[in-house]
N, C-alpha and C. Protein backbone atom coordinates (compact mmCIF):
# COMPACT_ATOMS: atom_id res chain seq x y z
N MET A 1 0.97 -1.24 0.27
CA MET A 1 0.01 0.32 0.02
C MET A 1 0.73 1.18 -0.03
N SER A 2 2.58 1.05 0.69
CA SER A 2 3.08 2.26 1.06
C SER A 2 3.38 3.14 -0.86
N GLU A 3 3.50 2.12 -1.50
CA GLU A 3 3.75 2.69 -2.89
C GLU A 3 2.90 3.31 -3.21
N ARG A 4 1.27 3.73 -2.93
CA ARG A 4 0.26 4.34 -3.32
C ARG A 4 0.47 5.91 -2.90
N VAL A 5 1.58 5.54 -2.04
CA VAL A 5 2.07 7.16 -1.24
C VAL A 5 3.10 7.51 -1.64
N LYS A 6 3.74 6.80 -2.00
CA LYS A 6 5.49 7.00 -2.92
C LYS A 6 5.05 7.81 -4.14
N THR A 7 3.97 7.28 -4.88
CA THR A 7 3.39 7.96 -6.45
C THR A 7 2.83 9.24 -6.22
N PHE A 8 1.96 9.61 -4.94
CA PHE A 8 1.47 10.44 -4.88
C PHE A 8 2.39 11.50 -4.73
N TYR A 9 3.43 10.94 -3.73
CA TYR A 9 5.01 12.03 -3.65
C TYR A 9 5.69 12.83 -4.89
N LYS A 10 5.86 11.84 -6.04
CA LYS A 10 6.24 12.02 -7.18
C LYS A 10 5.40 12.84 -8.13
N LYS A 11 4.46 12.55 -7.87
CA LYS A 11 3.20 13.43 -8.72
C LYS A 11 2.93 15.06 -7.82
N PHE A 12 3.18 14.59 -6.66
CA PHE A 12 3.27 16.24 -6.29
C PHE A 12 4.21 17.26 -6.63
N GLU A 13 5.39 16.16 -6.40
CA GLU A 13 6.41 17.42 -6.41
C GLU A 13 6.75 17.77 -7.87
N ALA A 14 6.03 16.72 -9.03
CA ALA A 14 6.08 17.43 -10.22
C ALA A 14 4.84 18.39 -10.44
N ASP A 15 3.68 18.24 -9.35
CA ASP A 15 2.56 19.33 -9.99
C ASP A 15 3.03 20.63 -9.23
N THR A 16 3.96 20.36 -8.13
CA THR A 16 4.36 21.48 -7.50
C THR A 16 5.39 22.35 -8.46
N GLU A 17 6.03 22.02 -9.23
CA GLU A 17 7.06 22.28 -10.44
C GLU A 17 6.43 22.98 -11.57
N LYS A 18 4.84 22.76 -11.97
CA LYS A 18 4.33 23.12 -12.86
C LYS A 18 3.43 24.21 -11.91
N MET A 19 3.15 24.48 -10.98
CA MET A 19 2.60 25.55 -10.45
C MET A 19 3.38 26.43 -10.20
N LYS A 20 4.66 25.95 -10.05
CA LYS A 20 5.48 27.22 -9.52
C LYS A 20 5.77 28.44 -11.14
N LYS A 21 5.44 27.60 -11.95
CA LYS A 21 5.88 28.12 -13.23
C LYS A 21 4.48 28.58 -13.82
N MET A 22 3.25 27.88 -13.23
CA MET A 22 2.03 28.41 -14.32
C MET A 22 1.10 29.11 -13.24
N VAL A 23 1.46 29.42 -12.17
CA VAL A 23 1.02 30.24 -10.63
C VAL A 23 2.39 30.95 -9.91
N PRO A 24 3.04 31.23 -10.45
CA PRO A 24 4.26 32.01 -9.42
C PRO A 24 3.82 32.63 -8.08
N GLY A 25 3.28 33.82 -8.40
CA GLY A 25 2.41 34.21 -6.95
C GLY A 25 2.02 33.65 -5.96
N MET A 26 0.97 32.66 -6.52
CA MET A 26 0.11 32.30 -5.41
C MET A 26 0.85 31.31 -4.86
N MET A 27 2.04 30.86 -5.21
CA MET A 27 2.99 29.94 -4.84
C MET A 27 4.26 30.22 -3.84
N THR A 28 4.31 31.43 -4.23
CA THR A 28 4.87 32.67 -3.83
C THR A 28 4.56 32.82 -2.19
N GLY A 29 3.23 33.81 -2.18
CA GLY A 29 2.61 33.90 -1.85
C GLY A 29 1.99 32.98 -0.50
N PHE A 30 1.86 31.73 -0.84
CA PHE A 30 1.69 30.11 0.19
C PHE A 30 2.88 29.71 1.04
N GLY A 31 3.68 30.06 -0.08
CA GLY A 31 4.94 29.48 0.09
C GLY A 31 5.56 30.16 1.80
N GLY A 32 5.54 31.66 1.19
CA GLY A 32 5.64 32.73 2.53
C GLY A 32 4.58 31.88 3.63
N LEU A 33 4.04 32.19 3.69
CA LEU A 33 2.92 31.67 5.13
C LEU A 33 2.82 30.65 5.62
N PHE A 34 4.03 29.35 4.40
CA PHE A 34 3.53 28.40 4.99
C PHE A 34 5.02 28.89 5.96
N GLN A 35 5.69 28.86 5.62
CA GLN A 35 7.47 29.01 6.45
C GLN A 35 7.25 29.84 7.48
N LYS A 36 6.74 31.01 6.96
CA LYS A 36 6.76 31.97 8.70
C LYS A 36 5.62 31.45 9.21
N THR A 37 4.81 30.56 9.25
CA THR A 37 3.77 29.90 10.34
C THR A 37 4.46 28.72 10.45
N MET A 38 4.78 28.20 9.95
CA MET A 38 5.49 26.51 10.43
C MET A 38 6.70 26.47 10.88
N GLY A 39 7.63 27.83 10.54
CA GLY A 39 8.71 28.02 11.49
C GLY A 39 8.97 27.73 12.99
N GLU A 40 10.53 27.75 13.59
CA GLU A 40 10.59 27.73 15.30
C GLU A 40 9.75 29.28 15.25
N GLY A 41 9.18 29.07 16.76
CA GLY A 41 8.33 29.61 17.54
C GLY A 41 7.94 29.64 18.98
N LYS A 42 7.05 30.19 19.25
CA LYS A 42 6.63 29.44 20.82
C LYS A 42 6.29 27.61 20.65
N LEU A 43 5.90 27.17 19.78
CA LEU A 43 5.79 26.28 19.45
C LEU A 43 6.67 25.60 18.87
N THR A 44 7.19 24.13 18.47
CA THR A 44 8.44 23.46 17.87
C THR A 44 7.71 22.84 16.22
N VAL A 45 8.88 22.93 15.31
CA VAL A 45 8.14 22.98 14.41
C VAL A 45 7.75 21.18 13.80
N ARG A 46 8.56 20.19 15.11
CA ARG A 46 7.70 18.78 15.35
C ARG A 46 6.15 19.57 15.81
N GLU A 47 6.16 20.08 16.72
CA GLU A 47 4.53 20.68 17.35
C GLU A 47 3.59 20.90 16.73
N LYS A 48 3.73 22.08 15.30
CA LYS A 48 3.04 22.48 14.97
C LYS A 48 2.75 21.63 13.57
N GLU A 49 3.95 20.76 13.01
CA GLU A 49 3.07 19.66 11.98
C GLU A 49 2.26 18.36 12.32
N LEU A 50 2.36 18.24 14.10
CA LEU A 50 1.43 17.11 14.70
C LEU A 50 0.22 17.62 14.54
N ILE A 51 0.18 18.71 15.02
CA ILE A 51 -1.58 19.84 14.51
C ILE A 51 -1.39 19.92 13.73
N ALA A 52 -0.91 19.95 12.50
CA ALA A 52 -1.42 20.55 11.36
C ALA A 52 -1.71 18.93 10.81
N LEU A 53 -1.38 17.75 11.10
CA LEU A 53 -1.52 16.62 11.03
C LEU A 53 -3.10 16.17 11.70
N GLY A 54 -3.29 16.62 12.44
CA GLY A 54 -4.48 16.33 13.34
C GLY A 54 -5.40 17.40 12.59
N ILE A 55 -5.14 18.13 12.31
CA ILE A 55 -6.50 18.76 11.63
C ILE A 55 -6.48 18.64 10.06
N ALA A 56 -5.48 18.03 9.30
CA ALA A 56 -5.71 17.17 7.90
C ALA A 56 -6.74 16.22 7.93
N MET A 57 -6.53 15.27 8.88
CA MET A 57 -7.15 14.42 9.47
C MET A 57 -9.00 14.58 9.55
N ALA A 58 -9.34 15.60 10.45
CA ALA A 58 -10.06 16.36 10.92
C ALA A 58 -10.85 16.91 9.45
N ILE A 59 -10.13 17.56 8.71
CA ILE A 59 -10.59 17.85 7.20
C ILE A 59 -10.62 16.95 6.21
N GLN A 60 -10.20 15.83 6.47
CA GLN A 60 -10.12 15.00 5.32
C GLN A 60 -9.37 15.40 4.34
N CYS A 61 -8.40 15.60 4.28
CA CYS A 61 -8.00 16.00 3.77
C CYS A 61 -6.64 14.78 3.08
N LYS A 62 -6.79 14.19 2.01
CA LYS A 62 -5.82 12.97 1.72
C LYS A 62 -4.17 13.54 1.24
N PRO A 63 -4.09 14.44 0.62
CA PRO A 63 -2.83 14.89 0.31
C PRO A 63 -2.21 15.47 1.76
N CYS A 64 -2.63 16.39 2.60
CA CYS A 64 -2.41 17.28 3.38
C CYS A 64 -2.12 15.50 4.60
N LEU A 65 -2.70 15.30 4.67
CA LEU A 65 -1.91 13.52 5.34
C LEU A 65 -0.49 13.27 4.51
N PHE A 66 -0.75 12.94 3.61
CA PHE A 66 0.08 12.18 3.68
C PHE A 66 1.66 13.17 3.67
N LEU A 67 1.43 14.17 2.68
CA LEU A 67 2.19 15.30 2.92
C LEU A 67 3.02 15.76 4.70
N HIS A 68 2.14 15.73 5.51
CA HIS A 68 2.66 15.87 7.35
C HIS A 68 2.90 15.13 7.77
N VAL A 69 2.47 13.96 7.97
CA VAL A 69 3.44 12.48 7.87
C VAL A 69 4.93 12.83 7.74
N LYS A 70 5.17 13.09 6.35
CA LYS A 70 6.65 13.39 6.06
C LYS A 70 7.16 14.62 6.96
N LYS A 71 6.23 15.63 6.70
CA LYS A 71 7.30 16.65 7.15
C LYS A 71 7.18 16.09 9.04
N CYS A 72 5.93 15.76 9.42
CA CYS A 72 6.51 15.45 11.08
C CYS A 72 7.44 14.49 11.22
N LEU A 73 8.04 13.28 10.27
CA LEU A 73 8.96 12.53 10.29
C LEU A 73 10.33 13.38 10.17
N GLY A 74 10.26 14.24 9.26
CA GLY A 74 11.45 15.34 8.94
C GLY A 74 11.66 16.36 9.95
N ALA A 75 10.56 16.59 10.98
CA ALA A 75 10.99 17.71 11.99
C ALA A 75 11.13 16.60 13.38
N GLY A 76 11.34 15.30 13.24
CA GLY A 76 11.85 14.55 14.28
C GLY A 76 11.06 13.92 15.15
N ALA A 77 9.41 13.63 14.75
CA ALA A 77 8.48 13.07 15.43
C ALA A 77 8.57 11.67 14.69
N SER A 78 8.17 10.97 16.45
CA SER A 78 8.14 9.48 16.01
C SER A 78 7.21 9.05 15.46
N GLN A 79 7.12 7.72 15.11
CA GLN A 79 6.15 6.84 14.52
C GLN A 79 4.80 6.81 15.60
N GLU A 80 5.12 6.43 16.81
CA GLU A 80 4.14 6.72 17.87
C GLU A 80 3.94 8.13 17.72
N GLU A 81 4.45 8.87 17.97
CA GLU A 81 3.94 10.46 18.69
C GLU A 81 2.73 10.74 17.24
N ILE A 82 3.45 10.22 15.78
CA ILE A 82 2.55 10.28 14.98
C ILE A 82 1.08 10.03 14.76
N LEU A 83 1.34 8.08 15.54
CA LEU A 83 -0.23 7.70 15.39
C LEU A 83 -0.86 8.22 16.82
N GLU A 84 -0.40 8.76 17.73
CA GLU A 84 -0.54 8.81 19.27
C GLU A 84 -1.73 10.92 18.80
N ALA A 85 -1.21 11.31 17.87
CA ALA A 85 -2.30 12.95 17.41
C ALA A 85 -2.69 12.61 16.36
N ALA A 86 -2.58 11.43 15.41
CA ALA A 86 -3.75 10.85 14.57
C ALA A 86 -4.54 10.19 15.37
N GLN A 87 -4.73 9.54 16.43
CA GLN A 87 -5.52 9.14 17.19
C GLN A 87 -6.31 10.08 18.43
N VAL A 88 -5.82 11.38 18.59
CA VAL A 88 -6.30 12.57 19.26
C VAL A 88 -7.63 12.86 17.83
N ALA A 89 -7.15 13.15 16.80
CA ALA A 89 -7.77 13.52 15.61
C ALA A 89 -8.96 12.60 15.70
N VAL A 90 -8.82 11.03 15.71
CA VAL A 90 -10.44 10.47 15.51
C VAL A 90 -10.93 10.64 16.67
N MET A 91 -10.39 11.05 17.94
CA MET A 91 -11.61 10.97 19.38
C MET A 91 -12.28 12.52 18.74
N MET A 92 -11.41 13.11 18.22
CA MET A 92 -12.49 14.46 18.11
C MET A 92 -12.69 14.70 17.05
N SER A 93 -13.07 14.12 15.73
CA SER A 93 -13.57 14.00 14.49
C SER A 93 -14.77 12.69 14.39
N GLY A 94 -14.72 11.73 15.53
CA GLY A 94 -14.91 10.37 15.18
C GLY A 94 -15.16 9.55 13.98
N GLY A 95 -16.02 9.31 13.16
CA GLY A 95 -15.87 8.38 12.37
C GLY A 95 -15.03 8.92 10.97
N PRO A 96 -15.29 10.23 10.88
CA PRO A 96 -14.92 10.63 9.61
C PRO A 96 -13.18 10.55 9.65
N GLY A 97 -12.53 10.78 11.21
CA GLY A 97 -11.00 10.70 11.27
C GLY A 97 -10.44 9.22 11.31
N PHE A 98 -11.50 8.63 11.73
CA PHE A 98 -11.18 6.49 11.80
C PHE A 98 -10.66 6.19 10.45
N THR A 99 -11.64 7.07 9.33
CA THR A 99 -11.85 6.03 8.20
C THR A 99 -10.19 6.37 7.00
N HIS A 100 -9.67 7.61 7.91
CA HIS A 100 -8.40 7.87 7.41
C HIS A 100 -7.01 7.44 8.20
N MET A 101 -7.44 6.27 9.31
CA MET A 101 -5.95 6.14 10.04
C MET A 101 -4.96 5.55 8.44
N PRO A 102 -6.08 4.93 7.66
CA PRO A 102 -5.15 3.64 7.30
C PRO A 102 -4.02 4.37 6.48
N GLU A 103 -4.02 5.83 5.72
CA GLU A 103 -3.34 6.60 5.34
C GLU A 103 -2.01 7.28 5.88
N ILE A 104 -2.55 7.71 7.28
CA ILE A 104 -1.55 7.68 8.26
C ILE A 104 -0.49 6.17 8.58
N ILE A 105 -1.21 5.43 8.16
CA ILE A 105 -0.64 4.00 8.25
C ILE A 105 0.63 3.65 7.08
N ASP A 106 -0.03 4.26 5.81
CA ASP A 106 0.46 3.98 4.51
C ASP A 106 1.28 5.07 4.66
N ALA A 107 1.22 6.09 4.72
CA ALA A 107 2.28 7.21 4.78
C ALA A 107 3.75 6.99 5.76
N LEU A 108 3.71 6.18 6.85
CA LEU A 108 4.21 6.43 7.76
C LEU A 108 5.37 4.86 7.05
N GLU A 109 4.36 3.85 6.19
CA GLU A 109 5.40 2.66 5.69
C GLU A 109 5.80 3.13 4.72
N ALA A 110 5.56 4.00 3.64
CA ALA A 110 6.45 4.70 2.53
C ALA A 110 7.33 5.64 2.82
N ASN A 111 7.45 6.07 4.07
CA ASN A 111 8.69 6.96 4.57
C ASN A 111 9.83 6.18 5.40
N GLU A 112 9.22 4.62 5.48
CA GLU A 112 10.07 4.37 6.40
C GLU A 112 11.85 3.78 5.57
């Protein structure tokens, strides 16, 4: 199953390059917002990524799930921390969050 996530990462990278060419203003604006918001502050990058992951589950954004699992790992979160954050999102969002737990597991497996 993790091959599906790896395929997503490759396609997203290619799509990002297309967007940089076709809508550079949007990419610059969003990129700046992302960097300013997700950088170190009172919360660590790791903590912010775990929050973003929980929100991605709550709003059911599959691409966001895959991207933020990878970013959580890159920021030093363990698999256990990621799964615990995902469990909190399931508790807060009920069934809709529960149905996305397989994507979290797939993304963790894709990043092993």
